């Protein structure tokens, strides 16, 4: 997956149709962009967003 420039560290775990995002981003728009990118992957039905802004 491609995530926004400037994101500190995003760990992505995928299991079947579930994507789990973990890590830190600089701003809320980066968090939203990462989640949007995960949802855009064909076949994804669940996105767990555990990202932190800071």
PDB file of N, CA and C in Angstrom:
ATOM      1  N   UNK A   1       0.834  -1.181   0.000  1.00  0.00           N
ATOM      2  CA  UNK A   1       0.000   0.000   0.000  1.00  0.00           C
ATOM      3  C   UNK A   1       0.879   1.245   0.000  1.00  0.00           C
ATOM      4  N   UNK A   2       0.372   2.307  -0.574  1.00  0.00           N
ATOM      5  CA  UNK A   2       1.086   3.579  -0.578  1.00  0.00           C
ATOM      6  C   UNK A   2       0.419   4.497   0.436  1.00  0.00           C
ATOM      7  N   UNK A   3       1.201   5.044   1.335  1.00  0.00           N
ATOM      8  CA  UNK A   3       0.674   5.914   2.371  1.00  0.00           C
ATOM      9  C   UNK A   3       1.211   7.316   2.193  1.00  0.00           C
ATOM     10  N   UNK A   4       0.569   8.279   2.853  1.00  0.00           N
ATOM     11  CA  UNK A   4       0.942   9.679   2.654  1.00  0.00           C
ATOM     12  C   UNK A   4       2.387   9.966   3.031  1.00  0.00           C
ATOM     13  N   UNK A   5       2.998  10.855   2.256  1.00  0.00           N
ATOM     14  CA  UNK A   5       4.354  11.288   2.580  1.00  0.00           C
ATOM     15  C   UNK A   5       4.332  11.961   3.941  1.00  0.00           C
ATOM     16  N   UNK A   6       5.315  11.676   4.745  1.00  0.00           N
ATOM     17  CA  UNK A   6       5.383  12.297   6.051  1.00  0.00           C
ATOM     18  C   UNK A   6       4.882  11.408   7.173  1.00  0.00           C
ATOM     19  N   UNK A   7       4.219  10.337   6.833  1.00  0.00           N
ATOM     20  CA  UNK A   7       3.780   9.418   7.880  1.00  0.00           C
ATOM     21  C   UNK A   7       5.030   8.845   8.538  1.00  0.00           C
ATOM     22  N   UNK A   8       5.069   8.874   9.867  1.00  0.00           N
ATOM     23  CA  UNK A   8       6.251   8.381  10.594  1.00  0.00           C
ATOM     24  C   UNK A   8       6.480   6.905  10.327  1.00  0.00           C
ATOM     25  N   UNK A   9       5.614   6.096  10.840  1.00  0.00           N
ATOM     26  CA  UNK A   9       5.759   4.656  10.714  1.00  0.00           C
ATOM     27  C   UNK A   9       4.382   4.026  10.803  1.00  0.00           C
ATOM     28  N   UNK A  10       3.983   3.379   9.725  1.00  0.00           N
ATOM     29  CA  UNK A  10       2.699   2.691   9.720  1.00  0.00           C
ATOM     30  C   UNK A  10       2.965   1.217   9.476  1.00  0.00           C
ATOM     31  N   UNK A  11       2.550   0.397  10.417  1.00  0.00           N
ATOM     32  CA  UNK A  11       2.636  -1.043  10.256  1.00  0.00           C
ATOM     33  C   UNK A  11       1.288  -1.526   9.750  1.00  0.00           C
ATOM     34  N   UNK A  12       1.328  -2.376   8.742  1.00  0.00           N
ATOM     35  CA  UNK A  12       0.107  -2.897   8.132  1.00  0.00           C
ATOM     36  C   UNK A  12       0.123  -4.411   8.268  1.00  0.00           C
ATOM     37  N   UNK A  13      -0.938  -4.939   8.855  1.00  0.00           N
ATOM     38  CA  UNK A  13      -1.111  -6.386   8.933  1.00  0.00           C
ATOM     39  C   UNK A  13      -2.369  -6.740   8.148  1.00  0.00           C
ATOM     40  N   UNK A  14      -2.274  -7.799   7.368  1.00  0.00           N
ATOM     41  CA  UNK A  14      -3.405  -8.233   6.555  1.00  0.00           C
ATOM     42  C   UNK A  14      -3.674  -9.698   6.834  1.00  0.00           C
ATOM     43  N   UNK A  15      -4.934 -10.002   7.067  1.00  0.00           N
ATOM     44  CA  UNK A  15      -5.363 -11.382   7.255  1.00  0.00           C
ATOM     45  C   UNK A  15      -6.711 -11.536   6.573  1.00  0.00           C
ATOM     46  N   UNK A  16      -6.718 -12.337   5.509  1.00  0.00           N
ATOM     47  CA  UNK A  16      -7.915 -12.505   4.691  1.00  0.00           C
ATOM     48  C   UNK A  16      -8.376 -11.130   4.200  1.00  0.00           C
ATOM     49  N   UNK A  17      -9.565 -10.695   4.595  1.00  0.00           N
ATOM     50  CA  UNK A  17     -10.097  -9.420   4.113  1.00  0.00           C
ATOM     51  C   UNK A  17      -9.983  -8.317   5.166  1.00  0.00           C
ATOM     52  N   UNK A  18      -9.201  -8.565   6.229  1.00  0.00           N
ATOM     53  CA  UNK A  18      -9.041  -7.596   7.327  1.00  0.00           C
ATOM     54  C   UNK A  18      -7.667  -6.943   7.247  1.00  0.00           C
ATOM     55  N   UNK A  19      -7.656  -5.612   7.395  1.00  0.00           N
ATOM     56  CA  UNK A  19      -6.415  -4.840   7.425  1.00  0.00           C
ATOM     57  C   UNK A  19      -6.332  -4.142   8.781  1.00  0.00           C
ATOM     58  N   UNK A  20      -5.185  -4.249   9.431  1.00  0.00           N
ATOM     59  CA  UNK A  20      -4.953  -3.569  10.700  1.00  0.00           C
ATOM     60  C   UNK A  20      -3.821  -2.571  10.504  1.00  0.00           C
ATOM     61  N   UNK A  21      -4.110  -1.314  10.835  1.00  0.00           N
ATOM     62  CA  UNK A  21      -3.119  -0.239  10.737  1.00  0.00           C
ATOM     63  C   UNK A  21      -2.666   0.132  12.143  1.00  0.00           C
ATOM     64  N   UNK A  22      -1.351   0.191  12.351  1.00  0.00           N
ATOM     65  CA  UNK A  22      -0.801   0.576  13.648  1.00  0.00           C
ATOM     66  C   UNK A  22       0.388   1.494  13.436  1.00  0.00           C
ATOM     67  N   UNK A  23       0.568   2.433  14.345  1.00  0.00           N
ATOM     68  CA  UNK A  23       1.732   3.300  14.274  1.00  0.00           C
ATOM     69  C   UNK A  23       1.387   4.747  14.520  1.00  0.00           C
ATOM     70  N   UNK A  24       2.278   5.627  14.071  1.00  0.00           N
ATOM     71  CA  UNK A  24       2.158   7.058  14.325  1.00  0.00           C
ATOM     72  C   UNK A  24       2.179   7.835  13.015  1.00  0.00           C
ATOM     73  N   UNK A  25       1.386   8.888  12.967  1.00  0.00           N
ATOM     74  CA  UNK A  25       1.384   9.825  11.843  1.00  0.00           C
ATOM     75  C   UNK A  25       1.488  11.237  12.407  1.00  0.00           C
ATOM     76  N   UNK A  26       1.822  12.200  11.554  1.00  0.00           N
ATOM     77  CA  UNK A  26       2.001  13.576  12.002  1.00  0.00           C
ATOM     78  C   UNK A  26       0.693  14.335  12.169  1.00  0.00           C
ATOM     79  N   UNK A  27      -0.312  14.003  11.344  1.00  0.00           N
ATOM     80  CA  UNK A  27      -1.529  14.809  11.322  1.00  0.00           C
ATOM     81  C   UNK A  27      -2.751  13.941  11.027  1.00  0.00           C
ATOM     82  N   UNK A  28      -3.906  14.471  11.367  1.00  0.00           N
ATOM     83  CA  UNK A  28      -5.159  13.759  11.179  1.00  0.00           C
ATOM     84  C   UNK A  28      -5.400  13.427   9.712  1.00  0.00           C
ATOM     85  N   UNK A  29      -5.016  14.315   8.799  1.00  0.00           N
ATOM     86  CA  UNK A  29      -5.221  14.023   7.377  1.00  0.00           C
ATOM     87  C   UNK A  29      -4.398  12.821   6.929  1.00  0.00           C
ATOM     88  N   UNK A  30      -3.235  12.591   7.538  1.00  0.00           N
ATOM     89  CA  UNK A  30      -2.431  11.412   7.222  1.00  0.00           C
ATOM     90  C   UNK A  30      -3.113  10.147   7.720  1.00  0.00           C
ATOM     91  N   UNK A  31      -3.700  10.214   8.903  1.00  0.00           N
ATOM     92  CA  UNK A  31      -4.436   9.082   9.451  1.00  0.00           C
ATOM     93  C   UNK A  31      -5.583   8.720   8.514  1.00  0.00           C
ATOM     94  N   UNK A  32      -6.335   9.721   8.101  1.00  0.00           N
ATOM     95  CA  UNK A  32      -7.478   9.486   7.213  1.00  0.00           C
ATOM     96  C   UNK A  32      -7.033   8.944   5.862  1.00  0.00           C
ATOM     97  N   UNK A  33      -5.925   9.457   5.329  1.00  0.00           N
ATOM     98  CA  UNK A  33      -5.424   8.986   4.039  1.00  0.00           C
ATOM     99  C   UNK A  33      -4.982   7.529   4.106  1.00  0.00           C
ATOM    100  N   UNK A  34      -4.351   7.149   5.204  1.00  0.00           N
ATOM    101  CA  UNK A  34      -3.928   5.756   5.371  1.00  0.00           C
ATOM    102  C   UNK A  34      -5.136   4.836   5.441  1.00  0.00           C
ATOM    103  N   UNK A  35      -6.152   5.242   6.191  1.00  0.00           N
ATOM    104  CA  UNK A  35      -7.359   4.426   6.293  1.00  0.00           C
ATOM    105  C   UNK A  35      -8.050   4.331   4.930  1.00  0.00           C
ATOM    106  N   UNK A  36      -8.125   5.432   4.212  1.00  0.00           N
ATOM    107  CA  UNK A  36      -8.745   5.444   2.889  1.00  0.00           C
ATOM    108  C   UNK A  36      -7.993   4.513   1.938  1.00  0.00           C
ATOM    109  N   UNK A  37      -6.670   4.536   2.011  1.00  0.00           N
ATOM    110  CA  UNK A  37      -5.854   3.661   1.162  1.00  0.00           C
ATOM    111  C   UNK A  37      -6.140   2.197   1.463  1.00  0.00           C
ATOM    112  N   UNK A  38      -6.271   1.865   2.745  1.00  0.00           N
ATOM    113  CA  UNK A  38      -6.569   0.484   3.126  1.00  0.00           C
ATOM    114  C   UNK A  38      -7.934   0.065   2.581  1.00  0.00           C
ATOM    115  N   UNK A  39      -8.932   0.933   2.713  1.00  0.00           N
ATOM    116  CA  UNK A  39     -10.283   0.624   2.215  1.00  0.00           C
ATOM    117  C   UNK A  39     -10.298   0.500   0.694  1.00  0.00           C
ATOM    118  N   UNK A  40      -9.380   1.137  -0.005  1.00  0.00           N
ATOM    119  CA  UNK A  40      -9.398   1.122  -1.467  1.00  0.00           C
ATOM    120  C   UNK A  40      -8.892  -0.186  -2.058  1.00  0.00           C
ATOM    121  N   UNK A  41      -8.312  -1.047  -1.245  1.00  0.00           N
ATOM    122  CA  UNK A  41      -7.793  -2.320  -1.733  1.00  0.00           C
ATOM    123  C   UNK A  41      -8.960  -3.268  -1.996  1.00  0.00           C
ATOM    124  N   UNK A  42      -9.045  -3.806  -3.201  1.00  0.00           N
ATOM    125  CA  UNK A  42     -10.142  -4.723  -3.513  1.00  0.00           C
ATOM    126  C   UNK A  42     -10.183  -5.911  -2.547  1.00  0.00           C
ATOM    127  N   UNK A  43     -11.365  -6.236  -2.066  1.00  0.00           N
ATOM    128  CA  UNK A  43     -11.553  -7.386  -1.184  1.00  0.00           C
ATOM    129  C   UNK A  43     -11.498  -7.070   0.290  1.00  0.00           C
ATOM    130  N   UNK A  44     -11.050  -5.878   0.665  1.00  0.00           N
ATOM    131  CA  UNK A  44     -10.983  -5.506   2.076  1.00  0.00           C
ATOM    132  C   UNK A  44     -12.393  -5.231   2.587  1.00  0.00           C
ATOM    133  N   UNK A  45     -12.747  -5.890   3.698  1.00  0.00           N
ATOM    134  CA  UNK A  45     -14.070  -5.707   4.297  1.00  0.00           C
ATOM    135  C   UNK A  45     -14.002  -5.137   5.707  1.00  0.00           C
ATOM    136  N   UNK A  46     -12.812  -5.180   6.319  1.00  0.00           N
ATOM    137  CA  UNK A  46     -12.636  -4.653   7.673  1.00  0.00           C
ATOM    138  C   UNK A  46     -11.306  -3.897   7.724  1.00  0.00           C
ATOM    139  N   UNK A  47     -11.344  -2.675   8.252  1.00  0.00           N
ATOM    140  CA  UNK A  47     -10.120  -1.916   8.505  1.00  0.00           C
ATOM    141  C   UNK A  47     -10.126  -1.518   9.970  1.00  0.00           C
ATOM    142  N   UNK A  48      -9.131  -1.992  10.701  1.00  0.00           N
ATOM    143  CA  UNK A  48      -8.948  -1.591  12.098  1.00  0.00           C
ATOM    144  C   UNK A  48      -7.853  -0.528  12.114  1.00  0.00           C
ATOM    145  N   UNK A  49      -8.231   0.673  12.498  1.00  0.00           N
ATOM    146  CA  UNK A  49      -7.298   1.786  12.484  1.00  0.00           C
ATOM    147  C   UNK A  49      -6.848   2.077  13.913  1.00  0.00           C
ATOM    148  N   UNK A  50      -5.598   1.691  14.207  1.00  0.00           N
ATOM    149  CA  UNK A  50      -4.999   1.939  15.524  1.00  0.00           C
ATOM    150  C   UNK A  50      -3.858   2.946  15.403  1.00  0.00           C
ATOM    151  N   UNK A  51      -4.002   3.873  14.465  1.00  0.00           N
ATOM    152  CA  UNK A  51      -2.970   4.897  14.263  1.00  0.00           C
ATOM    153  C   UNK A  51      -3.145   6.004  15.290  1.00  0.00           C
ATOM    154  N   UNK A  52      -2.031   6.644  15.640  1.00  0.00           N
ATOM    155  CA  UNK A  52      -2.031   7.758  16.585  1.00  0.00           C
ATOM    156  C   UNK A  52      -1.450   8.994  15.921  1.00  0.00           C
ATOM    157  N   UNK A  53      -2.062  10.130  16.188  1.00  0.00           N
ATOM    158  CA  UNK A  53      -1.551  11.402  15.676  1.00  0.00           C
ATOM    159  C   UNK A  53      -0.673  12.033  16.748  1.00  0.00           C
ATOM    160  N   UNK A  54       0.517  12.430  16.354  1.00  0.00           N
ATOM    161  CA  UNK A  54       1.373  13.051  17.350  1.00  0.00           C
ATOM    162  C   UNK A  54       2.747  13.341  16.855  1.00  0.00           C
TER     163      UNK A  54
END
